[in-house]
Amino acid sequence: MANTRKITTIVEDWYRKNIQDESNEYRVLKEKVKLKWGGEFEFDAVVKDKNDNIIELHCLSIAEAKTETGNGGSGKFNKIKADALMLLGTECEHKILAFTGKTMYEKTKKEVQKGRFPNKIVLKFIDPKSDSEIDAIINKIRKESSDELL
């Protein structure tokens, strides 16, 4: 079985580091945040200012919209919708859903345009090809995962 947890861990760490590099005035952590309805959810990146105030919440999608087997990635899109629900369940004003897969990013943008996805969440495409080591890890694990389905 492909180690998709490895891809998640490595890419999430890479993503948090890249956010941190944008400004050293903030701390970026993976941690649980209280939801309006009482529970908690662990966000991939919680950006805090010097006073420990949460100023941004990020969920990271590593999925592609179309798998190599031709599947439209509907299960993966359901995870993105679940992440959106958790983002909306917070008091934080700045909510960001970042994508490493261009096709899933485009699919989600189309859903926003159709009014079928929250427009209060900022969609952001980050290209892992900008880091050849991360890109190679993503491609290797995606291929292993896809080969298992064949």
C-alpha atoms as a PDB file:
ATOM      1  CA  MET A   1       0.000   0.000   0.000  1.00  0.00           C
ATOM      2  CA  ALA A   2       1.302   3.450  -0.945  1.00  0.00           C
ATOM      3  CA  ASN A   3       2.419   5.565   1.962  1.00  0.00           C
ATOM      4  CA  THR A   4       0.085   8.522   1.416  1.00  0.00           C
ATOM      5  CA  ARG A   5       0.575   9.598   5.041  1.00  0.00           C
ATOM      6  CA  LYS A   6       4.234  10.241   4.189  1.00  0.00           C
ATOM      7  CA  ILE A   7       3.259  12.580   1.365  1.00  0.00           C
ATOM      8  CA  THR A   8       0.886  14.418   3.663  1.00  0.00           C
ATOM      9  CA  THR A   9       3.444  14.853   6.429  1.00  0.00           C
ATOM     10  CA  ILE A  10       6.258  15.956   4.126  1.00  0.00           C
ATOM     11  CA  VAL A  11       4.149  18.358   2.057  1.00  0.00           C
ATOM     12  CA  GLU A  12       2.423  19.863   5.105  1.00  0.00           C
ATOM     13  CA  ASP A  13       5.819  20.545   6.721  1.00  0.00           C
ATOM     14  CA  TRP A  14       7.061  22.092   3.443  1.00  0.00           C
ATOM     15  CA  TYR A  15       3.925  24.238   3.181  1.00  0.00           C
ATOM     16  CA  ARG A  16       4.188  25.535   6.768  1.00  0.00           C
ATOM     17  CA  LYS A  17       7.851  26.379   6.213  1.00  0.00           C
ATOM     18  CA  ASN A  18       7.001  28.326   3.038  1.00  0.00           C
ATOM     19  CA  ILE A  19       4.320  30.320   4.845  1.00  0.00           C
ATOM     20  CA  GLN A  20       6.792  31.050   7.653  1.00  0.00           C
ATOM     21  CA  ASP A  21       9.379  32.212   5.145  1.00  0.00           C
ATOM     22  CA  GLU A  22       6.959  34.857   3.865  1.00  0.00           C
ATOM     23  CA  SER A  23       7.198  36.701   7.176  1.00  0.00           C
ATOM     24  CA  ASN A  24       9.118  35.820  10.294  1.00  0.00           C
ATOM     25  CA  GLU A  25       6.715  37.969  12.327  1.00  0.00           C
ATOM     26  CA  TYR A  26       4.361  34.997  12.617  1.00  0.00           C
ATOM     27  CA  ARG A  27       4.455  31.461  13.964  1.00  0.00           C
ATOM     28  CA  VAL A  28       2.992  28.694  11.826  1.00  0.00           C
ATOM     29  CA  LEU A  29       1.899  25.496  13.540  1.00  0.00           C
ATOM     30  CA  LYS A  30      -0.235  22.449  12.961  1.00  0.00           C
ATOM     31  CA  GLU A  31      -2.718  22.471  15.795  1.00  0.00           C
ATOM     32  CA  LYS A  32      -6.313  22.049  16.871  1.00  0.00           C
ATOM     33  CA  VAL A  33      -8.618  25.056  16.900  1.00  0.00           C
ATOM     34  CA  LYS A  34     -12.002  25.348  18.619  1.00  0.00           C
ATOM     35  CA  LEU A  35     -15.036  25.337  16.350  1.00  0.00           C
ATOM     36  CA  LYS A  36     -18.099  27.565  16.820  1.00  0.00           C
ATOM     37  CA  TRP A  37     -20.287  24.540  17.498  1.00  0.00           C
ATOM     38  CA  GLY A  38     -18.085  23.232  20.297  1.00  0.00           C
ATOM     39  CA  GLY A  39     -15.637  20.707  18.879  1.00  0.00           C
ATOM     40  CA  GLU A  40     -12.071  21.040  17.664  1.00  0.00           C
ATOM     41  CA  PHE A  41     -10.365  20.468  14.319  1.00  0.00           C
ATOM     42  CA  GLU A  42      -6.662  20.158  13.527  1.00  0.00           C
ATOM     43  CA  PHE A  43      -5.712  22.577  10.765  1.00  0.00           C
ATOM     44  CA  ASP A  44      -2.678  22.014   8.554  1.00  0.00           C
ATOM     45  CA  ALA A  45      -1.372  25.515   9.232  1.00  0.00           C
ATOM     46  CA  VAL A  46      -2.421  27.887  11.989  1.00  0.00           C
ATOM     47  CA  VAL A  47      -0.752  31.286  11.639  1.00  0.00           C
ATOM     48  CA  LYS A  48      -0.368  33.179  14.925  1.00  0.00           C
ATOM     49  CA  ASP A  49       0.905  36.666  15.541  1.00  0.00           C
ATOM     50  CA  LYS A  50       3.317  37.672  18.314  1.00  0.00           C
ATOM     51  CA  ASN A  51       0.401  37.934  20.765  1.00  0.00           C
ATOM     52  CA  ASP A  52      -0.673  34.337  20.054  1.00  0.00           C
ATOM     53  CA  ASN A  53      -3.775  35.489  18.130  1.00  0.00           C
ATOM     54  CA  ILE A  54      -4.821  33.270  15.247  1.00  0.00           C
ATOM     55  CA  ILE A  55      -4.740  35.395  12.101  1.00  0.00           C
ATOM     56  CA  GLU A  56      -5.021  32.713   9.383  1.00  0.00           C
ATOM     57  CA  LEU A  57      -6.172  29.126   9.113  1.00  0.00           C
ATOM     58  CA  HIS A  58      -5.070  26.879   6.279  1.00  0.00           C
ATOM     59  CA  CYS A  59      -6.177  23.488   4.993  1.00  0.00           C
ATOM     60  CA  LEU A  60      -3.950  21.872   2.388  1.00  0.00           C
ATOM     61  CA  SER A  61      -5.216  19.668  -0.445  1.00  0.00           C
ATOM     62  CA  ILE A  62      -2.671  17.375  -2.071  1.00  0.00           C
ATOM     63  CA  ALA A  63      -5.281  15.630  -4.229  1.00  0.00           C
ATOM     64  CA  GLU A  64      -5.740  15.812  -7.988  1.00  0.00           C
ATOM     65  CA  ALA A  65      -9.236  16.072  -9.442  1.00  0.00           C
ATOM     66  CA  LYS A  66      -8.687  13.283 -11.913  1.00  0.00           C
ATOM     67  CA  THR A  67      -6.927  10.074 -11.040  1.00  0.00           C
ATOM     68  CA  GLU A  68      -4.853   8.101 -13.512  1.00  0.00           C
ATOM     69  CA  THR A  69      -7.643   5.496 -13.632  1.00  0.00           C
ATOM     70  CA  GLY A  70     -10.036   8.138 -14.979  1.00  0.00           C
ATOM     71  CA  ASN A  71     -11.963   8.614 -11.730  1.00  0.00           C
ATOM     72  CA  GLY A  72     -13.140  12.192 -11.195  1.00  0.00           C
ATOM     73  CA  GLY A  73     -11.787  12.325  -7.646  1.00  0.00           C
ATOM     74  CA  SER A  74     -15.225  12.753  -6.027  1.00  0.00           C
ATOM     75  CA  GLY A  75     -14.073  11.201  -2.736  1.00  0.00           C
ATOM     76  CA  LYS A  76     -11.147  13.606  -2.646  1.00  0.00           C
ATOM     77  CA  PHE A  77     -13.489  16.509  -3.354  1.00  0.00           C
ATOM     78  CA  ASN A  78     -15.698  15.431  -0.445  1.00  0.00           C
ATOM     79  CA  LYS A  79     -12.641  15.790   1.823  1.00  0.00           C
ATOM     80  CA  ILE A  80     -12.124  19.311   0.483  1.00  0.00           C
ATOM     81  CA  LYS A  81     -15.769  20.157   1.235  1.00  0.00           C
ATOM     82  CA  ALA A  82     -15.336  18.756   4.754  1.00  0.00           C
ATOM     83  CA  ASP A  83     -12.232  20.934   5.238  1.00  0.00           C
ATOM     84  CA  ALA A  84     -14.241  23.946   4.012  1.00  0.00           C
ATOM     85  CA  LEU A  85     -16.912  23.211   6.620  1.00  0.00           C
ATOM     86  CA  MET A  86     -14.278  23.134   9.353  1.00  0.00           C
ATOM     87  CA  LEU A  87     -12.780  26.419   8.126  1.00  0.00           C
ATOM     88  CA  LEU A  88     -16.232  28.027   8.188  1.00  0.00           C
ATOM     89  CA  GLY A  89     -16.741  26.723  11.717  1.00  0.00           C
ATOM     90  CA  THR A  90     -14.041  29.000  13.127  1.00  0.00           C
ATOM     91  CA  GLU A  91     -14.031  32.610  14.277  1.00  0.00           C
ATOM     92  CA  CYS A  92     -10.899  33.330  12.226  1.00  0.00           C
ATOM     93  CA  GLU A  93     -11.441  35.910   9.472  1.00  0.00           C
ATOM     94  CA  HIS A  94      -8.772  34.639   7.042  1.00  0.00           C
ATOM     95  CA  LYS A  95      -9.500  31.120   5.811  1.00  0.00           C
ATOM     96  CA  ILE A  96      -7.318  29.590   3.102  1.00  0.00           C
ATOM     97  CA  LEU A  97      -7.602  26.330   1.211  1.00  0.00           C
ATOM     98  CA  ALA A  98      -4.323  25.639  -0.593  1.00  0.00           C
ATOM     99  CA  PHE A  99      -3.910  23.103  -3.399  1.00  0.00           C
ATOM    100  CA  THR A 100      -0.864  21.306  -4.781  1.00  0.00           C
ATOM    101  CA  GLY A 101      -2.986  19.785  -7.565  1.00  0.00           C
ATOM    102  CA  LYS A 102      -3.893  22.212 -10.353  1.00  0.00           C
ATOM    103  CA  THR A 103      -6.898  20.203 -11.570  1.00  0.00           C
ATOM    104  CA  MET A 104      -8.497  20.031  -8.101  1.00  0.00           C
ATOM    105  CA  TYR A 105      -7.813  23.746  -7.649  1.00  0.00           C
ATOM    106  CA  GLU A 106      -9.560  24.493 -10.965  1.00  0.00           C
ATOM    107  CA  LYS A 107     -12.463  22.161 -10.109  1.00  0.00           C
ATOM    108  CA  THR A 108     -12.996  23.937  -6.784  1.00  0.00           C
ATOM    109  CA  LYS A 109     -12.809  27.381  -8.431  1.00  0.00           C
ATOM    110  CA  LYS A 110     -15.563  26.304 -10.847  1.00  0.00           C
ATOM    111  CA  GLU A 111     -17.692  25.159  -7.922  1.00  0.00           C
ATOM    112  CA  VAL A 112     -17.263  28.603  -6.303  1.00  0.00           C
ATOM    113  CA  GLN A 113     -18.356  30.269  -9.564  1.00  0.00           C
ATOM    114  CA  LYS A 114     -21.458  28.041  -9.662  1.00  0.00           C
ATOM    115  CA  GLY A 115     -22.297  29.000  -6.081  1.00  0.00           C
ATOM    116  CA  ARG A 116     -21.702  25.421  -4.881  1.00  0.00           C
ATOM    117  CA  PHE A 117     -18.683  26.127  -2.663  1.00  0.00           C
ATOM    118  CA  PRO A 118     -18.138  28.850  -0.025  1.00  0.00           C
ATOM    119  CA  ASN A 119     -16.746  32.053  -1.506  1.00  0.00           C
ATOM    120  CA  LYS A 120     -15.471  33.245   1.905  1.00  0.00           C
ATOM    121  CA  ILE A 121     -12.557  30.816   1.672  1.00  0.00           C
ATOM    122  CA  VAL A 122      -9.512  31.956  -0.281  1.00  0.00           C
ATOM    123  CA  LEU A 123      -8.381  29.323  -2.797  1.00  0.00           C
ATOM    124  CA  LYS A 124      -4.638  29.276  -3.407  1.00  0.00           C
ATOM    125  CA  PHE A 125      -2.605  27.143  -5.819  1.00  0.00           C
ATOM    126  CA  ILE A 126       0.913  26.350  -4.700  1.00  0.00           C
ATOM    127  CA  ASP A 127       3.124  24.667  -7.218  1.00  0.00           C
ATOM    128  CA  PRO A 128       5.266  21.907  -5.717  1.00  0.00           C
ATOM    129  CA  LYS A 129       7.303  21.957  -8.944  1.00  0.00           C
ATOM    130  CA  SER A 130       9.017  25.014  -7.455  1.00  0.00           C
ATOM    131  CA  ASP A 131      10.784  22.553  -5.145  1.00  0.00           C
ATOM    132  CA  SER A 132      12.141  19.579  -7.108  1.00  0.00           C
ATOM    133  CA  GLU A 133      12.580  17.369  -4.019  1.00  0.00           C
ATOM    134  CA  ILE A 134       8.958  17.830  -2.872  1.00  0.00           C
ATOM    135  CA  ASP A 135       7.698  17.419  -6.448  1.00  0.00           C
ATOM    136  CA  ALA A 136       9.580  14.115  -6.818  1.00  0.00           C
ATOM    137  CA  ILE A 137       8.148  12.787  -3.532  1.00  0.00           C
ATOM    138  CA  ILE A 138       4.594  13.771  -4.515  1.00  0.00           C
ATOM    139  CA  ASN A 139       4.907  12.167  -7.958  1.00  0.00           C
ATOM    140  CA  LYS A 140       6.430   8.953  -6.593  1.00  0.00           C
ATOM    141  CA  ILE A 141       3.741   8.419  -3.971  1.00  0.00           C
ATOM    142  CA  ARG A 142       0.918   9.388  -6.366  1.00  0.00           C
ATOM    143  CA  LYS A 143       2.232   6.814  -8.849  1.00  0.00           C
ATOM    144  CA  GLU A 144       2.454   4.102  -6.163  1.00  0.00           C
ATOM    145  CA  SER A 145      -1.111   4.886  -5.093  1.00  0.00           C
ATOM    146  CA  SER A 146      -2.384   4.872  -8.678  1.00  0.00           C
ATOM    147  CA  ASP A 147      -0.581   1.582  -9.490  1.00  0.00           C
ATOM    148  CA  GLU A 148      -2.423  -0.076  -6.607  1.00  0.00           C
ATOM    149  CA  LEU A 149      -5.764   0.752  -8.234  1.00  0.00           C
ATOM    150  CA  LEU A 150      -4.839  -0.893 -11.535  1.00  0.00           C
END
